[in-house]
Amino acid sequence: MKNDNILKTIGFIGLLAGVALVLNSCKTVKVPSGINLVKPFNAKKYAGKWYEIARFDFKHEKNMKNVTAQYTLNEDGTIDVLNRGYEMDKERWNDAKGKAQFVDDPNEGALKVSFFGPFYAGYNVVQLEGDYEYALVFGENKDYIWILSRTKTLPADVKAKFLKIAGDYGYDLSRLIWTQHDN
């Protein structure tokens, strides 16, 4: 009987350790190897509204146009995220609220973003042009890429530069969806 209680206690402790390990791994993201991040990175300059110019399509943005992201800095160093887009097939606006925080160094463009509880995804700023006017962002793997602008358009030279960088890193540029924005 005493051995049964010891085994149950050990099993319970093991279960708790496993749950803690899983929850911790949900918060861990990685920067893809070989990726150079923007450094120094200025979160205050990055904050504000961005228009999505292009992306790799995925289920949460499928059939969307007029996609924007709004980043708001908090006093504790975290960032509120509001992604917004118009779902063309459902004829309605869709908002997604999330939070972001730096992976390590706040002077480096490596963040982790969460829209679903304890689950985080990588958000890596790899190139900025102008005075924080245009951004090239990679996810934590080659399934996610975003080209962002402070306006609804992107100059041809910036587009060419971003496409070259993404291509050099091995991204399949044929997968890019060019986001439609109404005037």
Protein backbone atom coordinates (compact mmCIF):
# COMPACT_ATOMS: atom_id res chain seq x y z
CA MET A 1 0.00 0.00 0.00
CA LYS A 2 2.84 2.37 0.89
CA ASN A 3 4.61 1.58 -2.39
CA ASP A 4 1.40 2.35 -4.32
CA ASN A 5 1.25 5.83 -2.77
CA ILE A 6 4.91 6.46 -3.58
CA LEU A 7 4.33 5.37 -7.20
CA LYS A 8 1.26 7.61 -7.47
CA THR A 9 3.21 10.56 -6.06
CA ILE A 10 6.10 9.95 -8.48
CA GLY A 11 3.62 9.64 -11.35
CA PHE A 12 1.89 12.87 -10.36
CA ILE A 13 5.20 14.74 -10.09
CA GLY A 14 6.19 13.36 -13.50
CA LEU A 15 2.88 14.53 -14.97
CA LEU A 16 3.36 18.03 -13.53
CA ALA A 17 6.91 18.17 -14.88
CA GLY A 18 5.67 17.08 -18.32
CA VAL A 19 2.93 19.73 -18.36
CA ALA A 20 5.44 22.40 -17.29
CA LEU A 21 7.83 21.28 -20.04
CA VAL A 22 5.10 21.43 -22.71
CA LEU A 23 3.90 24.88 -21.57
CA ASN A 24 7.47 26.18 -21.53
CA SER A 25 8.13 24.83 -25.02
CA CYS A 26 5.00 26.69 -26.25
CA LYS A 27 6.68 29.94 -25.25
CA THR A 28 10.01 29.08 -26.86
CA VAL A 29 10.66 30.17 -30.41
CA LYS A 30 13.82 30.05 -32.45
CA VAL A 31 15.44 32.30 -34.96
CA PRO A 32 16.13 30.32 -38.13
CA SER A 33 19.81 29.45 -38.40
CA GLY A 34 21.83 31.68 -40.69
CA ILE A 35 19.29 34.53 -40.57
CA ASN A 36 20.69 37.99 -39.89
CA LEU A 37 18.34 40.11 -37.81
CA VAL A 38 18.02 43.88 -37.74
CA LYS A 39 20.41 45.15 -35.10
CA PRO A 40 20.14 47.68 -33.60
CA PHE A 41 16.35 47.44 -33.57
CA ASN A 42 14.23 50.32 -32.27
CA ALA A 43 10.82 49.14 -31.04
CA LYS A 44 9.55 52.71 -30.68
CA LYS A 45 10.20 53.38 -34.37
CA TYR A 46 8.72 50.00 -35.35
CA ALA A 47 5.50 50.65 -33.42
CA GLY A 48 2.47 51.95 -35.26
CA LYS A 49 0.50 50.86 -38.31
CA TRP A 50 1.89 48.66 -41.10
CA TYR A 51 0.22 47.59 -44.34
CA GLU A 52 0.85 44.04 -45.47
CA ILE A 53 2.21 44.14 -49.01
CA ALA A 54 2.90 40.42 -49.43
CA ARG A 55 2.85 37.17 -47.46
CA PHE A 56 2.90 33.42 -47.76
CA ASP A 57 -0.74 32.42 -47.46
CA PHE A 58 -1.90 30.47 -44.41
CA LYS A 59 -5.26 29.63 -42.89
CA HIS A 60 -5.60 32.70 -40.65
CA GLU A 61 -5.21 35.13 -43.57
CA LYS A 62 -6.77 33.17 -46.39
CA ASN A 63 -8.91 35.27 -48.77
CA MET A 64 -8.02 38.51 -46.99
CA LYS A 65 -7.39 41.94 -48.42
CA ASN A 66 -6.67 45.30 -46.76
CA VAL A 67 -4.50 43.54 -44.17
CA THR A 68 -2.82 45.74 -41.57
CA ALA A 69 -0.90 45.25 -38.34
CA GLN A 70 -0.86 47.75 -35.49
CA TYR A 71 1.92 47.47 -32.89
CA THR A 72 1.57 49.34 -29.58
CA LEU A 73 4.36 49.41 -26.99
CA ASN A 74 3.52 48.75 -23.36
CA GLU A 75 5.42 50.12 -20.37
CA ASP A 76 6.58 46.62 -19.40
CA GLY A 77 8.34 46.15 -22.76
CA THR A 78 5.68 43.90 -24.30
CA ILE A 79 3.87 44.88 -27.48
CA ASP A 80 0.15 44.71 -28.18
CA VAL A 81 -0.60 43.44 -31.69
CA LEU A 82 -3.78 44.05 -33.65
CA ASN A 83 -3.95 42.37 -37.06
CA ARG A 84 -6.90 43.35 -39.22
CA GLY A 85 -8.09 42.23 -42.63
CA TYR A 86 -11.19 42.02 -44.76
CA GLU A 87 -12.35 38.46 -45.48
CA MET A 88 -13.51 38.65 -49.09
CA ASP A 89 -15.38 35.32 -49.10
CA LYS A 90 -17.31 36.14 -45.88
CA GLU A 91 -17.62 39.87 -46.65
CA ARG A 92 -16.57 40.95 -43.16
CA TRP A 93 -13.67 42.43 -41.21
CA ASN A 94 -11.61 40.13 -39.02
CA ASP A 95 -9.48 41.36 -36.11
CA ALA A 96 -6.91 39.28 -34.28
CA LYS A 97 -5.48 40.62 -31.02
CA GLY A 98 -2.21 39.31 -29.74
CA LYS A 99 0.90 40.13 -27.80
CA ALA A 100 4.58 40.15 -28.62
CA GLN A 101 7.78 40.23 -26.66
CA PHE A 102 11.44 40.09 -27.48
CA VAL A 103 13.06 36.67 -27.63
CA ASP A 104 16.22 37.97 -25.93
CA ASP A 105 17.77 41.35 -26.65
CA PRO A 106 15.31 44.24 -27.23
CA ASN A 107 17.91 45.79 -29.55
CA GLU A 108 17.57 42.85 -31.94
CA GLY A 109 14.61 42.27 -34.28
CA ALA A 110 13.70 38.82 -32.88
CA LEU A 111 10.27 38.68 -31.30
CA LYS A 112 7.75 36.04 -30.40
CA VAL A 113 4.07 36.67 -31.00
CA SER A 114 1.03 34.95 -29.52
CA PHE A 115 -2.60 35.11 -30.61
CA PHE A 116 -3.60 31.86 -28.87
CA GLY A 117 -2.82 31.66 -25.16
CA PRO A 118 0.56 30.20 -24.36
CA PHE A 119 1.45 29.39 -27.98
CA TYR A 120 4.09 31.65 -29.56
CA ALA A 121 5.47 31.98 -33.08
CA GLY A 122 8.68 33.60 -34.26
CA TYR A 123 8.60 37.07 -35.82
CA ASN A 124 12.02 38.04 -37.14
CA VAL A 125 12.70 41.45 -38.66
CA VAL A 126 15.50 40.81 -41.14
CA GLN A 127 15.55 44.04 -43.17
CA LEU A 128 14.33 47.61 -42.78
CA GLU A 129 14.45 50.31 -45.42
CA GLY A 130 13.95 54.05 -45.09
CA ASP A 131 13.43 55.27 -41.56
CA TYR A 132 11.37 52.24 -40.51
CA GLU A 133 9.14 52.69 -43.58
CA TYR A 134 9.47 49.18 -45.07
CA ALA A 135 10.11 45.84 -43.35
CA LEU A 136 10.93 42.29 -44.39
CA VAL A 137 9.87 39.77 -41.73
CA PHE A 138 10.45 36.01 -41.55
CA GLY A 139 8.72 33.52 -39.28
CA GLU A 140 10.65 30.83 -37.45
CA ASN A 141 10.70 28.65 -40.56
CA LYS A 142 10.36 29.11 -44.31
CA ASP A 143 6.55 28.82 -44.23
CA TYR A 144 6.10 32.42 -43.07
CA ILE A 145 7.19 35.69 -44.65
CA TRP A 146 5.75 39.19 -44.68
CA ILE A 147 6.64 42.33 -46.60
CA LEU A 148 5.30 45.40 -44.80
CA SER A 149 5.04 49.11 -45.57
CA ARG A 150 3.83 52.21 -43.78
CA THR A 151 1.77 52.94 -46.90
CA LYS A 152 -0.31 50.72 -49.20
CA THR A 153 2.48 50.59 -51.77
CA LEU A 154 6.11 49.54 -51.98
CA PRO A 155 8.75 51.20 -54.17
CA ALA A 156 10.12 48.94 -56.93
CA ASP A 157 13.71 49.16 -55.64
CA VAL A 158 12.67 48.10 -52.11
CA LYS A 159 10.57 45.27 -53.54
CA ALA A 160 13.52 44.03 -55.62
CA LYS A 161 15.85 44.22 -52.61
CA PHE A 162 13.45 42.33 -50.33
CA LEU A 163 12.81 39.64 -52.95
CA LYS A 164 16.54 39.15 -53.47
CA ILE A 165 17.15 38.81 -49.73
CA ALA A 166 14.29 36.31 -49.32
CA GLY A 167 15.44 34.35 -52.38
CA ASP A 168 19.02 34.27 -51.09
CA TYR A 169 17.72 32.80 -47.82
CA GLY A 170 15.95 30.07 -49.79
CA TYR A 171 12.34 31.25 -49.66
CA ASP A 172 10.09 29.99 -52.49
CA LEU A 173 9.00 33.34 -53.89
CA SER A 174 6.35 31.71 -56.11
CA ARG A 175 4.32 31.26 -52.90
CA LEU A 176 4.00 34.99 -52.27
CA ILE A 177 0.49 36.43 -52.16
CA TRP A 178 0.44 40.15 -53.03
CA THR A 179 -2.11 41.73 -50.71
CA GLN A 180 -4.83 43.81 -52.32
CA HIS A 181 -5.56 47.19 -50.72
CA ASP A 182 -8.56 49.33 -51.60
CA ASN A 183 -7.85 53.01 -52.12
